[in-house]
Amino acid sequence: MITTYSDFRLKLKSYLDDVFKNQNPLFVTRTKGENVVVLSQSDYDSIMETFYLLKSPKNASRLLSAIEEYNQGLGKEQKMLEK
């Protein structure tokens, strides 16, 4: 979804409700200045967690290997340990 800064100001509540409800970012264009992207907090948190997990090359490699194994049907279901 894309809107102008002026329209965003006029319909702020509606746009923020749409961002939250549809889990889609809103791109706000500005005539003078850099454009802005509005995200729900859950989307932002998810992106930041992904960045954190992939920041370490060793961890990124391990995660990508695990995903590949899962896609090849090599994953095993395990029960969670209870405390």
C-alpha atoms as a PDB file:
ATOM      1  CA  MET A   1       0.000   0.000   0.000  1.00  0.00           C
ATOM      2  CA  ILE A   2       1.333   3.472  -0.893  1.00  0.00           C
ATOM      3  CA  THR A   3       0.067   6.896   0.084  1.00  0.00           C
ATOM      4  CA  THR A   4       1.259  10.474   0.272  1.00  0.00           C
ATOM      5  CA  TYR A   5       2.273  12.159   3.514  1.00  0.00           C
ATOM      6  CA  SER A   6      -0.701  14.554   3.282  1.00  0.00           C
ATOM      7  CA  ASP A   7      -3.198  11.729   2.778  1.00  0.00           C
ATOM      8  CA  PHE A   8      -1.552   9.745   5.586  1.00  0.00           C
ATOM      9  CA  ARG A   9      -2.078  12.647   7.995  1.00  0.00           C
ATOM     10  CA  LEU A  10      -5.731  12.992   6.973  1.00  0.00           C
ATOM     11  CA  LYS A  11      -6.526   9.288   7.358  1.00  0.00           C
ATOM     12  CA  LEU A  12      -4.012   8.274  10.041  1.00  0.00           C
ATOM     13  CA  LYS A  13      -6.302   5.990  12.064  1.00  0.00           C
ATOM     14  CA  SER A  14      -7.625   4.208   8.992  1.00  0.00           C
ATOM     15  CA  TYR A  15      -4.135   3.606   7.591  1.00  0.00           C
ATOM     16  CA  LEU A  16      -2.771   2.356  10.914  1.00  0.00           C
ATOM     17  CA  ASP A  17      -5.757   0.022  11.325  1.00  0.00           C
ATOM     18  CA  ASP A  18      -5.101  -1.376   7.818  1.00  0.00           C
ATOM     19  CA  VAL A  19      -1.399  -1.922   8.540  1.00  0.00           C
ATOM     20  CA  PHE A  20      -2.250  -3.855  11.702  1.00  0.00           C
ATOM     21  CA  LYS A  21      -5.201  -5.792  10.272  1.00  0.00           C
ATOM     22  CA  ASN A  22      -3.609  -6.833   6.971  1.00  0.00           C
ATOM     23  CA  GLN A  23      -0.014  -7.209   8.205  1.00  0.00           C
ATOM     24  CA  ASN A  24       1.158  -5.234   5.139  1.00  0.00           C
ATOM     25  CA  PRO A  25       3.578  -2.310   5.270  1.00  0.00           C
ATOM     26  CA  LEU A  26       2.436   1.156   4.270  1.00  0.00           C
ATOM     27  CA  PHE A  27       4.807   3.258   2.148  1.00  0.00           C
ATOM     28  CA  VAL A  28       4.392   6.980   2.789  1.00  0.00           C
ATOM     29  CA  THR A  29       5.886   9.187   0.091  1.00  0.00           C
ATOM     30  CA  ARG A  30       7.152  12.660   0.869  1.00  0.00           C
ATOM     31  CA  THR A  31       7.829  15.480  -1.580  1.00  0.00           C
ATOM     32  CA  LYS A  32      10.754  16.826   0.403  1.00  0.00           C
ATOM     33  CA  GLY A  33      12.613  14.228   2.373  1.00  0.00           C
ATOM     34  CA  GLU A  34      13.022  10.500   2.521  1.00  0.00           C
ATOM     35  CA  ASN A  35       9.991   8.221   2.230  1.00  0.00           C
ATOM     36  CA  VAL A  36       8.777   6.300   5.293  1.00  0.00           C
ATOM     37  CA  VAL A  37       7.543   2.743   5.818  1.00  0.00           C
ATOM     38  CA  VAL A  38       4.950   2.010   8.518  1.00  0.00           C
ATOM     39  CA  LEU A  39       4.894  -1.540   9.951  1.00  0.00           C
ATOM     40  CA  SER A  40       2.993  -3.276  12.707  1.00  0.00           C
ATOM     41  CA  GLN A  41       5.098  -3.972  15.783  1.00  0.00           C
ATOM     42  CA  SER A  42       4.793  -7.735  15.242  1.00  0.00           C
ATOM     43  CA  ASP A  43       6.198  -7.377  11.706  1.00  0.00           C
ATOM     44  CA  TYR A  44       9.014  -5.153  12.978  1.00  0.00           C
ATOM     45  CA  ASP A  45       9.841  -7.602  15.800  1.00  0.00           C
ATOM     46  CA  SER A  46       9.891 -10.489  13.324  1.00  0.00           C
ATOM     47  CA  ILE A  47      12.285  -8.648  10.997  1.00  0.00           C
ATOM     48  CA  MET A  48      14.587  -7.726  13.883  1.00  0.00           C
ATOM     49  CA  GLU A  49      14.624 -11.319  15.157  1.00  0.00           C
ATOM     50  CA  THR A  50      15.515 -12.577  11.673  1.00  0.00           C
ATOM     51  CA  PHE A  51      18.350 -10.030  11.414  1.00  0.00           C
ATOM     52  CA  TYR A  52      19.635 -11.106  14.821  1.00  0.00           C
ATOM     53  CA  LEU A  53      19.558 -14.812  13.955  1.00  0.00           C
ATOM     54  CA  LEU A  54      21.288 -14.291  10.600  1.00  0.00           C
ATOM     55  CA  LYS A  55      23.861 -11.782  11.896  1.00  0.00           C
ATOM     56  CA  SER A  56      26.299 -14.548  12.788  1.00  0.00           C
ATOM     57  CA  PRO A  57      27.542 -16.340   9.638  1.00  0.00           C
ATOM     58  CA  LYS A  58      27.906 -19.594  11.611  1.00  0.00           C
ATOM     59  CA  ASN A  59      24.342 -19.401  12.947  1.00  0.00           C
ATOM     60  CA  ALA A  60      22.979 -18.407   9.512  1.00  0.00           C
ATOM     61  CA  SER A  61      24.674 -21.421   7.947  1.00  0.00           C
ATOM     62  CA  ARG A  62      23.299 -23.734  10.634  1.00  0.00           C
ATOM     63  CA  LEU A  63      19.757 -22.387  10.187  1.00  0.00           C
ATOM     64  CA  LEU A  64      19.872 -22.647   6.393  1.00  0.00           C
ATOM     65  CA  SER A  65      21.159 -26.244   6.662  1.00  0.00           C
ATOM     66  CA  ALA A  66      18.306 -27.112   9.025  1.00  0.00           C
ATOM     67  CA  ILE A  67      15.755 -25.599   6.628  1.00  0.00           C
ATOM     68  CA  GLU A  68      17.244 -27.596   3.741  1.00  0.00           C
ATOM     69  CA  GLU A  69      17.082 -30.816   5.776  1.00  0.00           C
ATOM     70  CA  TYR A  70      13.452 -30.086   6.650  1.00  0.00           C
ATOM     71  CA  ASN A  71      12.598 -29.425   2.982  1.00  0.00           C
ATOM     72  CA  GLN A  72      14.151 -32.788   2.083  1.00  0.00           C
ATOM     73  CA  GLY A  73      11.832 -34.509   4.560  1.00  0.00           C
ATOM     74  CA  LEU A  74      14.583 -35.241   7.063  1.00  0.00           C
ATOM     75  CA  GLY A  75      12.926 -33.421   9.961  1.00  0.00           C
ATOM     76  CA  LYS A  76      11.762 -35.316  13.019  1.00  0.00           C
ATOM     77  CA  GLU A  77       8.923 -34.328  15.321  1.00  0.00           C
ATOM     78  CA  GLN A  78       9.953 -34.130  18.968  1.00  0.00           C
ATOM     79  CA  LYS A  79       7.979 -33.501  22.124  1.00  0.00           C
ATOM     80  CA  MET A  80       8.809 -30.495  24.262  1.00  0.00           C
ATOM     81  CA  LEU A  81      10.256 -31.196  27.685  1.00  0.00           C
ATOM     82  CA  GLU A  82       8.090 -30.000  30.524  1.00  0.00           C
ATOM     83  CA  LYS A  83       9.533 -28.378  33.626  1.00  0.00           C
END
